[in-house]
Structure formats: C-alpha cells, structure tokens
Amino acid sequence: QVQLVESGGGLVQAGGSLRLSCAASGSIFSISGMSWYRQAPGKQREVVATGTSGRNPTYADSVKGRFTISRDNAKNTVYLQMNSLKPEDTAVYSCNAQIKQYYSSKYYVDYWGRGTQVTVSS
C-alpha cells in the first residue's frame, strides 16, 4: 500500500508565499517522476510542475519564475515553493508520483494524493 499525503495549503494574500509538501509512504522501491497538479473550480486539472530524477524540472508557463519544485529522495517527499502568489493560483493542489513498489515490479504506477486547498485573496 502506498499513500501520498499533501500539506502546507492555506489562505494567503496576493504576493505572498506558501510551501507545499507531499510525502509518499508505504511499500516503495523506487520513485520516478513526482509532480504537482492543480484544479480550480470549473476548470480542468493542469500540471503545475514536474520533477523527475536525472532531469531538469518542468513548469507550466503560468508559474515559471514563481514556483519551484524540489525533491528529498531520502524522505520520498516533493515540495512546491510558491512565491508571488496570484488569485488565479487558487485551486486544490495534488501531488502525483510514479512508483515501483517492489524490485520485481515491471512498471511504475501512478499514485495520487487527496489534495490541499490553496486560496489566494486579492
């Protein structure tokens, strides 16, 4: 069993900062990509940032220069530092991880957290 648990969301004024965390726990052999997604009311879920081992992180154009994704592989944790927040960043932020549970696992499987609410007031 694998669980992803996000934390760090909340209410912040425009221009402020928040740092989200997502910790993966359970039976984990290897993690490939770890990503942050968000979904605003009435909108489709979109990828915000992706961190894959051995590759440069990628970001949605709307957050480039403001958000930074980082990983602590020893803790199976991914972070999202969000600066210069805007009201349009308001959404439920969820993390995704591609995980192999066992050495013998053939494929990486997608796991999702339940999400954390980020609200930016103007």
N, C-alpha and C. Protein backbone atom coordinates (compact mmCIF):
# COMPACT_ATOMS: atom_id res chain seq x y z
N GLN A 1 0.85 -1.19 0.00
CA GLN A 1 0.00 0.00 0.00
C GLN A 1 0.89 1.24 0.00
N VAL A 2 0.55 2.18 -0.86
CA VAL A 2 1.29 3.44 -0.96
C VAL A 2 0.33 4.59 -0.69
N GLN A 3 0.79 5.55 0.07
CA GLN A 3 0.00 6.76 0.32
C GLN A 3 0.80 7.99 0.00
N LEU A 4 0.13 8.98 -0.57
CA LEU A 4 0.71 10.30 -0.77
C LEU A 4 -0.12 11.28 0.04
N VAL A 5 0.54 12.04 0.88
CA VAL A 5 -0.17 12.99 1.74
C VAL A 5 0.43 14.38 1.55
N GLU A 6 -0.44 15.32 1.13
CA GLU A 6 -0.02 16.69 0.94
C GLU A 6 -0.26 17.51 2.20
N SER A 7 0.52 18.57 2.35
CA SER A 7 0.32 19.51 3.45
C SER A 7 0.86 20.87 3.03
N GLY A 8 0.48 21.89 3.78
CA GLY A 8 1.04 23.22 3.55
C GLY A 8 0.11 24.20 2.87
N GLY A 9 -1.08 23.74 2.48
CA GLY A 9 -2.00 24.67 1.85
C GLY A 9 -2.58 25.64 2.86
N GLY A 10 -3.33 26.61 2.34
CA GLY A 10 -3.95 27.57 3.24
C GLY A 10 -4.40 28.81 2.50
N LEU A 11 -4.69 29.84 3.28
CA LEU A 11 -5.14 31.12 2.76
C LEU A 11 -3.99 32.12 2.85
N VAL A 12 -3.73 32.80 1.75
CA VAL A 12 -2.63 33.77 1.72
C VAL A 12 -3.05 34.95 0.86
N GLN A 13 -2.52 36.10 1.15
CA GLN A 13 -2.81 37.29 0.34
C GLN A 13 -1.98 37.27 -0.95
N ALA A 14 -2.48 37.94 -1.94
CA ALA A 14 -1.74 38.06 -3.20
C ALA A 14 -0.36 38.64 -2.92
N GLY A 15 0.64 38.05 -3.59
CA GLY A 15 2.02 38.44 -3.37
C GLY A 15 2.73 37.62 -2.32
N GLY A 16 1.97 36.84 -1.58
CA GLY A 16 2.55 36.02 -0.52
C GLY A 16 3.12 34.71 -1.03
N SER A 17 3.55 33.89 -0.08
CA SER A 17 4.20 32.62 -0.41
C SER A 17 3.62 31.49 0.42
N LEU A 18 3.69 30.30 -0.15
CA LEU A 18 3.35 29.07 0.55
C LEU A 18 4.31 27.98 0.09
N ARG A 19 4.53 27.00 0.96
CA ARG A 19 5.34 25.85 0.59
C ARG A 19 4.52 24.59 0.83
N LEU A 20 4.26 23.87 -0.25
CA LEU A 20 3.53 22.62 -0.16
C LEU A 20 4.51 21.45 -0.04
N SER A 21 4.08 20.44 0.69
CA SER A 21 4.86 19.20 0.82
C SER A 21 3.98 18.02 0.46
N CYS A 22 4.60 17.00 -0.09
CA CYS A 22 3.89 15.76 -0.39
C CYS A 22 4.82 14.60 -0.05
N ALA A 23 4.42 13.82 0.93
CA ALA A 23 5.24 12.70 1.37
C ALA A 23 4.62 11.38 0.93
N ALA A 24 5.43 10.55 0.30
CA ALA A 24 5.00 9.21 -0.10
C ALA A 24 5.45 8.21 0.95
N SER A 25 4.54 7.32 1.34
CA SER A 25 4.88 6.31 2.34
C SER A 25 4.30 4.96 1.96
N GLY A 26 4.80 3.93 2.63
CA GLY A 26 4.34 2.58 2.34
C GLY A 26 5.45 1.77 1.69
N SER A 27 5.03 0.77 0.97
CA SER A 27 5.98 -0.11 0.31
C SER A 27 6.47 0.54 -0.98
N ILE A 28 7.68 1.10 -0.95
CA ILE A 28 8.21 1.84 -2.10
C ILE A 28 9.61 1.34 -2.39
N PHE A 29 9.83 0.89 -3.62
CA PHE A 29 11.17 0.50 -4.05
C PHE A 29 11.86 1.65 -4.79
N SER A 30 11.09 2.31 -5.66
CA SER A 30 11.68 3.38 -6.47
C SER A 30 10.60 4.36 -6.90
N ILE A 31 10.97 5.63 -6.96
CA ILE A 31 10.08 6.68 -7.45
C ILE A 31 10.72 7.33 -8.66
N SER A 32 9.97 7.42 -9.73
CA SER A 32 10.45 8.11 -10.93
C SER A 32 10.03 9.57 -10.84
N GLY A 33 9.02 9.98 -11.56
CA GLY A 33 8.58 11.37 -11.53
C GLY A 33 7.68 11.68 -10.35
N MET A 34 7.80 12.90 -9.85
CA MET A 34 6.88 13.42 -8.85
C MET A 34 6.41 14.78 -9.35
N SER A 35 5.12 15.00 -9.35
CA SER A 35 4.56 16.20 -9.95
C SER A 35 3.52 16.83 -9.06
N TRP A 36 3.29 18.10 -9.31
CA TRP A 36 2.19 18.83 -8.68
C TRP A 36 1.19 19.20 -9.76
N TYR A 37 -0.07 18.96 -9.45
CA TYR A 37 -1.18 19.35 -10.32
C TYR A 37 -2.08 20.29 -9.51
N ARG A 38 -2.94 21.00 -10.22
CA ARG A 38 -3.95 21.82 -9.54
C ARG A 38 -5.22 21.82 -10.34
N GLN A 39 -6.31 22.00 -9.61
CA GLN A 39 -7.62 22.10 -10.25
C GLN A 39 -8.41 23.20 -9.57
N ALA A 40 -8.77 24.20 -10.35
CA ALA A 40 -9.59 25.29 -9.86
C ALA A 40 -11.05 24.96 -10.14
N PRO A 41 -11.98 25.55 -9.40
CA PRO A 41 -13.40 25.27 -9.61
C PRO A 41 -13.82 25.55 -11.05
N GLY A 42 -14.48 24.58 -11.65
CA GLY A 42 -14.97 24.74 -13.01
C GLY A 42 -13.91 24.60 -14.09
N LYS A 43 -12.69 24.23 -13.69
CA LYS A 43 -11.62 24.09 -14.67
C LYS A 43 -11.05 22.68 -14.64
N GLN A 44 -10.36 22.33 -15.73
CA GLN A 44 -9.71 21.03 -15.78
C GLN A 44 -8.43 21.04 -14.94
N ARG A 45 -8.08 19.85 -14.48
CA ARG A 45 -6.82 19.72 -13.75
C ARG A 45 -5.66 19.99 -14.69
N GLU A 46 -4.66 20.69 -14.19
CA GLU A 46 -3.50 21.00 -15.01
C GLU A 46 -2.22 20.68 -14.23
N VAL A 47 -1.19 20.31 -14.96
CA VAL A 47 0.09 20.05 -14.32
C VAL A 47 0.78 21.38 -14.06
N VAL A 48 1.30 21.51 -12.87
CA VAL A 48 1.97 22.75 -12.44
C VAL A 48 3.49 22.61 -12.57
N ALA A 49 4.01 21.50 -12.06
CA ALA A 49 5.46 21.30 -12.07
C ALA A 49 5.76 19.81 -11.95
N THR A 50 6.85 19.41 -12.59
CA THR A 50 7.26 18.01 -12.56
C THR A 50 8.74 17.91 -12.26
N GLY A 51 9.07 17.02 -11.34
CA GLY A 51 10.46 16.75 -11.02
C GLY A 51 10.76 15.28 -11.24
N THR A 52 11.62 14.99 -12.18
CA THR A 52 11.98 13.61 -12.49
C THR A 52 13.47 13.44 -12.24
N SER A 53 13.81 12.37 -11.57
CA SER A 53 15.22 12.10 -11.25
C SER A 53 16.08 12.14 -12.50
N GLY A 54 17.15 12.90 -12.44
CA GLY A 54 18.09 12.96 -13.55
C GLY A 54 17.71 13.93 -14.65
N ARG A 55 16.61 14.62 -14.47
CA ARG A 55 16.18 15.57 -15.50
C ARG A 55 15.89 16.93 -14.86
N ASN A 56 15.94 17.98 -15.68
CA ASN A 56 15.57 19.30 -15.19
C ASN A 56 14.07 19.35 -14.93
N PRO A 57 13.65 20.08 -13.91
CA PRO A 57 12.22 20.22 -13.65
C PRO A 57 11.54 20.99 -14.76
N THR A 58 10.25 20.74 -14.91
CA THR A 58 9.45 21.47 -15.89
C THR A 58 8.30 22.16 -15.18
N TYR A 59 7.87 23.27 -15.75
CA TYR A 59 6.84 24.10 -15.13
C TYR A 59 5.80 24.54 -16.16
N ALA A 60 4.58 24.73 -15.70
CA ALA A 60 3.58 25.38 -16.53
C ALA A 60 4.02 26.82 -16.76
N ASP A 61 3.70 27.35 -17.93
CA ASP A 61 4.10 28.72 -18.25
C ASP A 61 3.57 29.72 -17.22
N SER A 62 2.39 29.44 -16.68
CA SER A 62 1.75 30.38 -15.77
C SER A 62 2.48 30.50 -14.43
N VAL A 63 3.37 29.55 -14.11
CA VAL A 63 4.04 29.60 -12.80
C VAL A 63 5.55 29.74 -12.92
N LYS A 64 6.06 29.74 -14.13
CA LYS A 64 7.52 29.85 -14.32
C LYS A 64 8.05 31.13 -13.67
N GLY A 65 9.14 30.97 -12.95
CA GLY A 65 9.74 32.12 -12.28
C GLY A 65 9.14 32.40 -10.92
N ARG A 66 8.01 31.77 -10.60
CA ARG A 66 7.37 31.99 -9.30
C ARG A 66 7.36 30.73 -8.43
N PHE A 67 7.22 29.58 -9.04
CA PHE A 67 7.15 28.31 -8.31
C PHE A 67 8.43 27.52 -8.53
N THR A 68 8.81 26.76 -7.51
CA THR A 68 9.99 25.90 -7.60
C THR A 68 9.65 24.53 -7.01
N ILE A 69 9.89 23.49 -7.79
CA ILE A 69 9.68 22.13 -7.31
C ILE A 69 11.03 21.55 -6.87
N SER A 70 10.99 20.82 -5.79
CA SER A 70 12.22 20.16 -5.32
C SER A 70 11.85 18.83 -4.68
N ARG A 71 12.84 17.96 -4.57
CA ARG A 71 12.61 16.63 -4.02
C ARG A 71 13.66 16.28 -2.97
N ASP A 72 13.21 15.57 -1.96
CA ASP A 72 14.11 14.96 -0.99
C ASP A 72 13.92 13.45 -1.17
N ASN A 73 14.80 12.85 -1.95
CA ASN A 73 14.62 11.44 -2.29
C ASN A 73 14.75 10.53 -1.07
N ALA A 74 15.55 10.96 -0.11
CA ALA A 74 15.72 10.15 1.10
C ALA A 74 14.42 10.08 1.89
N LYS A 75 13.61 11.11 1.77
CA LYS A 75 12.34 11.16 2.51
C LYS A 75 11.15 10.86 1.61
N ASN A 76 11.40 10.54 0.34
CA ASN A 76 10.29 10.31 -0.62
C ASN A 76 9.30 11.47 -0.59
N THR A 77 9.81 12.66 -0.60
CA THR A 77 8.99 13.86 -0.45
C THR A 77 9.29 14.84 -1.58
N VAL A 78 8.23 15.46 -2.06
CA VAL A 78 8.36 16.52 -3.07
C VAL A 78 7.75 17.79 -2.49
N TYR A 79 8.38 18.91 -2.81
CA TYR A 79 7.95 20.21 -2.31
C TYR A 79 7.58 21.12 -3.48
N LEU A 80 6.74 22.09 -3.20
CA LEU A 80 6.44 23.13 -4.17
C LEU A 80 6.49 24.46 -3.44
N GLN A 81 7.53 25.22 -3.71
CA GLN A 81 7.65 26.57 -3.14
C GLN A 81 6.94 27.52 -4.09
N MET A 82 5.94 28.21 -3.57
CA MET A 82 5.13 29.10 -4.38
C MET A 82 5.30 30.52 -3.88
N ASN A 83 5.88 31.37 -4.72
CA ASN A 83 6.10 32.77 -4.39
C ASN A 83 5.26 33.67 -5.29
N SER A 84 5.13 34.90 -4.89
CA SER A 84 4.38 35.89 -5.69
C SER A 84 3.02 35.33 -6.11
N LEU A 85 2.32 34.78 -5.16
CA LEU A 85 1.05 34.13 -5.47
C LEU A 85 0.02 35.13 -5.97
N LYS A 86 -0.82 34.65 -6.89
CA LYS A 86 -1.86 35.46 -7.50
C LYS A 86 -3.22 34.81 -7.22
N PRO A 87 -4.28 35.59 -7.25
CA PRO A 87 -5.62 35.00 -7.04
C PRO A 87 -5.91 33.85 -8.00
N GLU A 88 -5.38 33.92 -9.21
CA GLU A 88 -5.62 32.85 -10.18
C GLU A 88 -4.87 31.56 -9.86
N ASP A 89 -4.02 31.59 -8.83
CA ASP A 89 -3.38 30.36 -8.37
C ASP A 89 -4.28 29.57 -7.42
N THR A 90 -5.41 30.14 -7.06
CA THR A 90 -6.34 29.46 -6.16
C THR A 90 -6.83 28.16 -6.78
N ALA A 91 -6.64 27.06 -6.05
CA ALA A 91 -7.00 25.75 -6.56
C ALA A 91 -6.73 24.70 -5.49
N VAL A 92 -7.18 23.48 -5.77
CA VAL A 92 -6.75 22.33 -4.97
C VAL A 92 -5.50 21.78 -5.63
N TYR A 93 -4.43 21.69 -4.87
CA TYR A 93 -3.16 21.21 -5.38
C TYR A 93 -2.96 19.75 -4.94
N SER A 94 -2.66 18.91 -5.92
CA SER A 94 -2.47 17.48 -5.64
C SER A 94 -1.11 17.03 -6.15
N CYS A 95 -0.55 16.06 -5.48
CA CYS A 95 0.71 15.53 -5.97
C CYS A 95 0.51 14.16 -6.60
N ASN A 96 1.37 13.86 -7.52
CA ASN A 96 1.35 12.60 -8.26
C ASN A 96 2.76 12.02 -8.22
N ALA A 97 2.85 10.73 -8.05
CA ALA A 97 4.16 10.08 -8.08
C ALA A 97 4.06 8.78 -8.85
N GLN A 98 5.11 8.50 -9.60
CA GLN A 98 5.21 7.25 -10.35
C GLN A 98 6.13 6.33 -9.56
N ILE A 99 5.54 5.25 -9.06
CA ILE A 99 6.22 4.43 -8.06
C ILE A 99 6.27 2.96 -8.45
N LYS A 100 7.43 2.37 -8.21
CA LYS A 100 7.54 0.91 -8.23
C LYS A 100 7.56 0.45 -6.79
N GLN A 101 6.65 -0.45 -6.43
CA GLN A 101 6.59 -0.89 -5.04
C GLN A 101 7.66 -1.92 -4.71
N TYR A 102 8.04 -2.71 -5.68
CA TYR A 102 8.96 -3.81 -5.41
C TYR A 102 10.07 -3.87 -6.46
N TYR A 103 11.17 -4.50 -6.11
CA TYR A 103 12.28 -4.67 -7.05
C TYR A 103 11.80 -5.39 -8.31
N SER A 104 10.89 -6.32 -8.13
CA SER A 104 10.41 -7.13 -9.26
C SER A 104 9.31 -6.45 -10.07
N SER A 105 8.84 -5.28 -9.61
CA SER A 105 7.78 -4.59 -10.35
C SER A 105 8.26 -4.23 -11.74
N LYS A 106 7.39 -4.47 -12.72
CA LYS A 106 7.79 -4.24 -14.11
C LYS A 106 7.58 -2.78 -14.50
N TYR A 107 6.53 -2.19 -13.96
CA TYR A 107 6.18 -0.84 -14.38
C TYR A 107 6.08 0.10 -13.18
N TYR A 108 6.21 1.39 -13.47
CA TYR A 108 5.88 2.42 -12.49
C TYR A 108 4.37 2.64 -12.55
N VAL A 109 3.77 2.82 -11.39
CA VAL A 109 2.34 3.03 -11.28
C VAL A 109 2.08 4.43 -10.74
N ASP A 110 1.05 5.09 -11.27
CA ASP A 110 0.68 6.43 -10.80
C ASP A 110 -0.07 6.35 -9.48
N TYR A 111 0.35 7.17 -8.52
CA TYR A 111 -0.36 7.34 -7.27
C TYR A 111 -0.65 8.82 -7.08
N TRP A 112 -1.78 9.09 -6.40
CA TRP A 112 -2.24 10.47 -6.20
C TRP A 112 -2.52 10.73 -4.73
N GLY A 113 -2.24 11.95 -4.32
CA GLY A 113 -2.69 12.39 -3.01
C GLY A 113 -4.10 12.95 -3.12
N ARG A 114 -4.67 13.27 -1.96
CA ARG A 114 -6.05 13.79 -1.94
C ARG A 114 -6.12 15.27 -2.23
N GLY A 115 -5.03 15.97 -2.07
CA GLY A 115 -5.01 17.38 -2.39
C GLY A 115 -5.04 18.28 -1.17
N THR A 116 -4.57 19.50 -1.39
CA THR A 116 -4.61 20.52 -0.35
C THR A 116 -5.07 21.83 -0.99
N GLN A 117 -5.93 22.54 -0.29
CA GLN A 117 -6.52 23.77 -0.83
C GLN A 117 -5.56 24.95 -0.66
N VAL A 118 -5.37 25.67 -1.75
CA VAL A 118 -4.63 26.93 -1.72
C VAL A 118 -5.58 28.03 -2.17
N THR A 119 -5.74 29.04 -1.34
CA THR A 119 -6.61 30.16 -1.65
C THR A 119 -5.81 31.44 -1.55
N VAL A 120 -5.81 32.21 -2.64
CA VAL A 120 -5.08 33.47 -2.68
C VAL A 120 -6.09 34.60 -2.77
N SER A 121 -6.08 35.46 -1.79
CA SER A 121 -7.03 36.58 -1.77
C SER A 121 -6.40 37.82 -2.40
N SER A 122 -7.26 38.62 -3.04
CA SER A 122 -6.75 39.83 -3.71
C SER A 122 -6.71 41.01 -2.76
